Amino acid sequence: MKKSEFIMKDCEYISSPNYDDRPNGVEVDTIVIHCISLPELNYKNNYVDLLFQNALNRKHDESFTELEGLKVSSHLLIKRSGEIVQYVPFDKRAWHAGESEYNGRTNVNDFSIGIELHGAISDTYTDNQYLELKKTIEYLKEIFPSIKDSNIIGHSDVAPGRKFDPGPHFIWEKIK
């Protein structure tokens, strides 16, 4: 595949340094849906971009101190408006799932695409987010035919008890 196939067209691309190569022979077959807002429930800022670029100023908000030294990324962020930002090419391993396991396999980052929704587990998601997420999933299934609906899961599914996103307000039926 050409490199251009691993970067979505019609979206902003902001490169994150927080990724590496996937292990040899590992097939992408899973999509992990997350949510993020910094500070929580605040959406009109670029703090997520800064976090994924290791440039978040911890002094801007008290809640940022717990993020000190954290190096994370996701492949995509879908903003409340439906606008998409990509941080890591799909053929690379983004650092989104952390310590994780799904269906007996550990290191979920190895075989998954991470998609963040600008949101919080206590909030609802917008129709624009669902629409763009559904279109993005279809696009990813074309690139990675091994992705099946049963492997479109939440962060809570790969890190139960540690992570709870996308949360109880996420309506799974809207992306099927």
C-alpha atoms as a PDB file:
ATOM      1  CA  MET A   1       0.000   0.000   0.000  1.00  0.00           C
ATOM      2  CA  LYS A   2       1.090   3.540  -0.679  1.00  0.00           C
ATOM      3  CA  LYS A   3       1.830   5.802   2.295  1.00  0.00           C
ATOM      4  CA  SER A   4      -0.968   8.140   1.172  1.00  0.00           C
ATOM      5  CA  GLU A   5      -3.495   5.368   1.897  1.00  0.00           C
ATOM      6  CA  PHE A   6      -2.553   5.503   5.560  1.00  0.00           C
ATOM      7  CA  ILE A   7      -3.333   9.216   5.933  1.00  0.00           C
ATOM      8  CA  MET A   8      -6.961  10.256   5.483  1.00  0.00           C
ATOM      9  CA  LYS A   9      -7.815  12.818   2.867  1.00  0.00           C
ATOM     10  CA  ASP A  10      -9.925  15.828   3.818  1.00  0.00           C
ATOM     11  CA  CYS A  11      -8.731  15.987   7.403  1.00  0.00           C
ATOM     12  CA  GLU A  12      -6.113  17.927   9.296  1.00  0.00           C
ATOM     13  CA  TYR A  13      -2.869  16.026   9.917  1.00  0.00           C
ATOM     14  CA  ILE A  14      -0.844  16.903  13.033  1.00  0.00           C
ATOM     15  CA  SER A  15       2.070  14.518  13.452  1.00  0.00           C
ATOM     16  CA  SER A  16       2.565  13.014  16.896  1.00  0.00           C
ATOM     17  CA  PRO A  17       5.983  11.673  17.910  1.00  0.00           C
ATOM     18  CA  ASN A  18       4.231   9.044  20.046  1.00  0.00           C
ATOM     19  CA  TYR A  19       4.106   6.030  17.756  1.00  0.00           C
ATOM     20  CA  ASP A  20       6.312   3.278  16.436  1.00  0.00           C
ATOM     21  CA  ASP A  21       6.228   0.384  13.989  1.00  0.00           C
ATOM     22  CA  ARG A  22       3.785  -2.439  14.461  1.00  0.00           C
ATOM     23  CA  PRO A  23       5.389  -5.846  15.086  1.00  0.00           C
ATOM     24  CA  ASN A  24       6.155  -7.813  11.918  1.00  0.00           C
ATOM     25  CA  GLY A  25       3.314 -10.011  10.747  1.00  0.00           C
ATOM     26  CA  VAL A  26       0.647  -8.367  12.922  1.00  0.00           C
ATOM     27  CA  GLU A  27      -2.604  -7.682  11.089  1.00  0.00           C
ATOM     28  CA  VAL A  28      -4.805  -4.716  12.000  1.00  0.00           C
ATOM     29  CA  ASP A  29      -8.226  -6.155  12.818  1.00  0.00           C
ATOM     30  CA  THR A  30      -9.598  -3.988  15.625  1.00  0.00           C
ATOM     31  CA  ILE A  31     -10.819  -0.425  16.180  1.00  0.00           C
ATOM     32  CA  VAL A  32     -10.771   0.954  19.724  1.00  0.00           C
ATOM     33  CA  ILE A  33     -13.066   3.904  20.438  1.00  0.00           C
ATOM     34  CA  HIS A  34     -12.015   6.327  23.163  1.00  0.00           C
ATOM     35  CA  CYS A  35     -13.100   9.733  24.408  1.00  0.00           C
ATOM     36  CA  ILE A  36     -11.017  12.657  25.577  1.00  0.00           C
ATOM     37  CA  SER A  37     -11.430  16.268  26.624  1.00  0.00           C
ATOM     38  CA  LEU A  38      -8.914  18.473  28.354  1.00  0.00           C
ATOM     39  CA  PRO A  39      -9.866  19.671  30.851  1.00  0.00           C
ATOM     40  CA  GLU A  40     -12.806  17.286  31.094  1.00  0.00           C
ATOM     41  CA  LEU A  41     -15.935  18.550  29.302  1.00  0.00           C
ATOM     42  CA  ASN A  42     -14.003  21.451  27.701  1.00  0.00           C
ATOM     43  CA  TYR A  43     -13.962  21.207  23.926  1.00  0.00           C
ATOM     44  CA  LYS A  44     -13.015  24.625  22.570  1.00  0.00           C
ATOM     45  CA  ASN A  45      -9.236  24.416  22.826  1.00  0.00           C
ATOM     46  CA  ASN A  46      -6.292  22.562  21.289  1.00  0.00           C
ATOM     47  CA  TYR A  47      -5.111  20.772  24.430  1.00  0.00           C
ATOM     48  CA  VAL A  48      -5.621  17.292  22.928  1.00  0.00           C
ATOM     49  CA  ASP A  49      -3.375  18.227  19.994  1.00  0.00           C
ATOM     50  CA  LEU A  50      -0.766  19.485  22.444  1.00  0.00           C
ATOM     51  CA  LEU A  51      -1.001  16.334  24.589  1.00  0.00           C
ATOM     52  CA  PHE A  52      -0.407  14.106  21.571  1.00  0.00           C
ATOM     53  CA  GLN A  53       2.598  16.264  20.607  1.00  0.00           C
ATOM     54  CA  ASN A  54       4.118  16.194  24.132  1.00  0.00           C
ATOM     55  CA  ALA A  55       3.623  19.967  24.287  1.00  0.00           C
ATOM     56  CA  LEU A  56       0.808  20.316  26.816  1.00  0.00           C
ATOM     57  CA  ASN A  57       1.685  22.953  29.402  1.00  0.00           C
ATOM     58  CA  ARG A  58       0.793  21.321  32.699  1.00  0.00           C
ATOM     59  CA  LYS A  59       0.417  24.790  34.264  1.00  0.00           C
ATOM     60  CA  HIS A  60      -2.671  25.634  32.175  1.00  0.00           C
ATOM     61  CA  ASP A  61      -4.970  23.527  34.339  1.00  0.00           C
ATOM     62  CA  GLU A  62      -4.628  21.738  37.655  1.00  0.00           C
ATOM     63  CA  SER A  63      -5.899  18.487  36.102  1.00  0.00           C
ATOM     64  CA  PHE A  64      -2.950  18.446  33.682  1.00  0.00           C
ATOM     65  CA  THR A  65      -0.442  17.634  36.441  1.00  0.00           C
ATOM     66  CA  GLU A  66      -1.485  13.958  36.321  1.00  0.00           C
ATOM     67  CA  LEU A  67      -0.458  13.940  32.639  1.00  0.00           C
ATOM     68  CA  GLU A  68       3.146  14.892  33.427  1.00  0.00           C
ATOM     69  CA  GLY A  69       5.528  12.756  31.375  1.00  0.00           C
ATOM     70  CA  LEU A  70       2.702  10.835  29.689  1.00  0.00           C
ATOM     71  CA  LYS A  71       3.424   9.982  26.057  1.00  0.00           C
ATOM     72  CA  VAL A  72       0.224   9.012  24.287  1.00  0.00           C
ATOM     73  CA  SER A  73      -1.380   9.332  20.893  1.00  0.00           C
ATOM     74  CA  SER A  74      -4.289   8.141  18.859  1.00  0.00           C
ATOM     75  CA  HIS A  75      -4.682   7.682  15.155  1.00  0.00           C
ATOM     76  CA  LEU A  76      -7.641  10.056  14.990  1.00  0.00           C
ATOM     77  CA  LEU A  77      -9.692  12.576  16.939  1.00  0.00           C
ATOM     78  CA  ILE A  78     -13.252  13.308  15.850  1.00  0.00           C
ATOM     79  CA  LYS A  79     -14.234  16.718  17.166  1.00  0.00           C
ATOM     80  CA  ARG A  80     -17.755  17.686  18.254  1.00  0.00           C
ATOM     81  CA  SER A  81     -18.344  19.309  14.828  1.00  0.00           C
ATOM     82  CA  GLY A  82     -17.369  16.075  13.057  1.00  0.00           C
ATOM     83  CA  GLU A  83     -14.036  17.511  11.941  1.00  0.00           C
ATOM     84  CA  ILE A  84     -11.295  14.871  11.971  1.00  0.00           C
ATOM     85  CA  VAL A  85      -7.667  15.294  12.980  1.00  0.00           C
ATOM     86  CA  GLN A  86      -5.164  12.523  12.285  1.00  0.00           C
ATOM     87  CA  TYR A  87      -1.996  12.171  14.389  1.00  0.00           C
ATOM     88  CA  VAL A  88      -0.512   8.809  13.392  1.00  0.00           C
ATOM     89  CA  PRO A  89      -0.570   6.992  10.010  1.00  0.00           C
ATOM     90  CA  PHE A  90      -2.756   3.878  10.144  1.00  0.00           C
ATOM     91  CA  ASP A  91       0.129   1.527   9.323  1.00  0.00           C
ATOM     92  CA  LYS A  92       1.943   2.651  12.489  1.00  0.00           C
ATOM     93  CA  ARG A  93       1.229   1.736  16.106  1.00  0.00           C
ATOM     94  CA  ALA A  94      -0.294   4.651  18.027  1.00  0.00           C
ATOM     95  CA  TRP A  95      -0.002   4.596  21.812  1.00  0.00           C
ATOM     96  CA  HIS A  96      -3.689   4.730  22.735  1.00  0.00           C
ATOM     97  CA  ALA A  97      -4.691   1.598  24.649  1.00  0.00           C
ATOM     98  CA  GLY A  98      -1.933   1.312  27.254  1.00  0.00           C
ATOM     99  CA  GLU A  99      -1.851  -1.914  29.232  1.00  0.00           C
ATOM    100  CA  SER A 100      -4.559  -3.850  27.439  1.00  0.00           C
ATOM    101  CA  GLU A 101      -5.977  -7.237  26.487  1.00  0.00           C
ATOM    102  CA  TYR A 102      -8.780  -8.358  24.197  1.00  0.00           C
ATOM    103  CA  ASN A 103      -9.900 -11.890  23.363  1.00  0.00           C
ATOM    104  CA  GLY A 104      -6.759 -13.354  24.907  1.00  0.00           C
ATOM    105  CA  ARG A 105      -4.374 -11.029  23.056  1.00  0.00           C
ATOM    106  CA  THR A 106      -2.317  -8.466  24.949  1.00  0.00           C
ATOM    107  CA  ASN A 107      -0.801  -5.198  23.685  1.00  0.00           C
ATOM    108  CA  VAL A 108      -3.924  -4.106  21.818  1.00  0.00           C
ATOM    109  CA  ASN A 109      -2.033  -1.190  20.232  1.00  0.00           C
ATOM    110  CA  ASP A 110      -0.216  -3.764  18.081  1.00  0.00           C
ATOM    111  CA  PHE A 111      -3.318  -4.776  16.114  1.00  0.00           C
ATOM    112  CA  SER A 112      -5.702  -1.826  16.455  1.00  0.00           C
ATOM    113  CA  ILE A 113      -6.598   1.642  15.253  1.00  0.00           C
ATOM    114  CA  GLY A 114      -7.362   4.134  18.033  1.00  0.00           C
ATOM    115  CA  ILE A 115     -10.115   6.709  17.478  1.00  0.00           C
ATOM    116  CA  GLU A 116     -10.757   9.423  20.049  1.00  0.00           C
ATOM    117  CA  LEU A 117     -14.080  11.221  20.231  1.00  0.00           C
ATOM    118  CA  HIS A 118     -13.911  14.707  21.687  1.00  0.00           C
ATOM    119  CA  GLY A 119     -16.064  14.010  24.694  1.00  0.00           C
ATOM    120  CA  ALA A 120     -16.331  12.629  28.195  1.00  0.00           C
ATOM    121  CA  ILE A 121     -17.942   9.514  29.618  1.00  0.00           C
ATOM    122  CA  SER A 122     -20.466  11.721  31.415  1.00  0.00           C
ATOM    123  CA  ASP A 123     -21.478  13.540  28.206  1.00  0.00           C
ATOM    124  CA  THR A 124     -23.356  12.599  25.053  1.00  0.00           C
ATOM    125  CA  TYR A 125     -21.795  12.607  21.588  1.00  0.00           C
ATOM    126  CA  THR A 126     -22.960  14.684  18.639  1.00  0.00           C
ATOM    127  CA  ASP A 127     -24.726  13.410  15.542  1.00  0.00           C
ATOM    128  CA  ASN A 128     -21.807  14.769  13.501  1.00  0.00           C
ATOM    129  CA  GLN A 129     -19.404  12.618  15.492  1.00  0.00           C
ATOM    130  CA  TYR A 130     -21.466   9.485  14.932  1.00  0.00           C
ATOM    131  CA  LEU A 131     -21.788  10.232  11.213  1.00  0.00           C
ATOM    132  CA  GLU A 132     -18.049  10.773  10.755  1.00  0.00           C
ATOM    133  CA  LEU A 133     -17.157   7.797  12.953  1.00  0.00           C
ATOM    134  CA  LYS A 134     -19.393   5.532  10.895  1.00  0.00           C
ATOM    135  CA  LYS A 135     -17.842   6.788   7.626  1.00  0.00           C
ATOM    136  CA  THR A 136     -14.347   6.409   9.076  1.00  0.00           C
ATOM    137  CA  ILE A 137     -15.028   2.829  10.152  1.00  0.00           C
ATOM    138  CA  GLU A 138     -16.187   1.961   6.622  1.00  0.00           C
ATOM    139  CA  TYR A 139     -13.044   3.593   5.199  1.00  0.00           C
ATOM    140  CA  LEU A 140     -10.815   1.633   7.591  1.00  0.00           C
ATOM    141  CA  LYS A 141     -12.572  -1.630   6.710  1.00  0.00           C
ATOM    142  CA  GLU A 142     -11.633  -1.004   3.065  1.00  0.00           C
ATOM    143  CA  ILE A 143      -7.965  -0.524   3.984  1.00  0.00           C
ATOM    144  CA  PHE A 144      -7.948  -3.357   6.530  1.00  0.00           C
ATOM    145  CA  PRO A 145     -10.512  -5.990   5.420  1.00  0.00           C
ATOM    146  CA  SER A 146      -9.684  -8.018   8.539  1.00  0.00           C
ATOM    147  CA  ILE A 147     -11.590  -5.485  10.698  1.00  0.00           C
ATOM    148  CA  LYS A 148     -14.916  -7.044  11.652  1.00  0.00           C
ATOM    149  CA  ASP A 149     -17.831  -5.419  13.475  1.00  0.00           C
ATOM    150  CA  SER A 150     -17.191  -7.665  16.479  1.00  0.00           C
ATOM    151  CA  ASN A 151     -13.771  -6.012  16.831  1.00  0.00           C
ATOM    152  CA  ILE A 152     -15.084  -2.439  16.964  1.00  0.00           C
ATOM    153  CA  ILE A 153     -14.864  -1.946  20.688  1.00  0.00           C
ATOM    154  CA  GLY A 154     -14.465   0.594  23.464  1.00  0.00           C
ATOM    155  CA  HIS A 155     -11.388   1.382  25.518  1.00  0.00           C
ATOM    156  CA  SER A 156     -13.340  -0.089  28.423  1.00  0.00           C
ATOM    157  CA  ASP A 157     -13.336  -3.459  26.616  1.00  0.00           C
ATOM    158  CA  VAL A 158      -9.530  -3.668  26.498  1.00  0.00           C
ATOM    159  CA  ALA A 159      -8.775  -2.154  29.917  1.00  0.00           C
ATOM    160  CA  PRO A 160     -11.791  -3.010  32.101  1.00  0.00           C
ATOM    161  CA  GLY A 161     -11.759  -1.455  35.541  1.00  0.00           C
ATOM    162  CA  ARG A 162      -9.032   0.965  34.432  1.00  0.00           C
ATOM    163  CA  LYS A 163     -10.792   2.721  31.542  1.00  0.00           C
ATOM    164  CA  PHE A 164     -14.493   3.460  31.076  1.00  0.00           C
ATOM    165  CA  ASP A 165     -14.667   5.194  27.683  1.00  0.00           C
ATOM    166  CA  PRO A 166     -16.461   5.797  25.455  1.00  0.00           C
ATOM    167  CA  GLY A 167     -18.942   5.549  28.325  1.00  0.00           C
ATOM    168  CA  PRO A 168     -22.601   4.768  28.951  1.00  0.00           C
ATOM    169  CA  HIS A 169     -23.890   7.546  26.668  1.00  0.00           C
ATOM    170  CA  PHE A 170     -22.195   6.141  23.565  1.00  0.00           C
ATOM    171  CA  ILE A 171     -24.875   4.674  21.254  1.00  0.00           C
ATOM    172  CA  TRP A 172     -23.272   1.717  19.469  1.00  0.00           C
ATOM    173  CA  GLU A 173     -26.280   1.289  17.158  1.00  0.00           C
ATOM    174  CA  LYS A 174     -25.465   4.646  15.521  1.00  0.00           C
ATOM    175  CA  ILE A 175     -22.265   3.290  13.981  1.00  0.00           C
ATOM    176  CA  LYS A 176     -23.630  -0.003  12.645  1.00  0.00           C
END
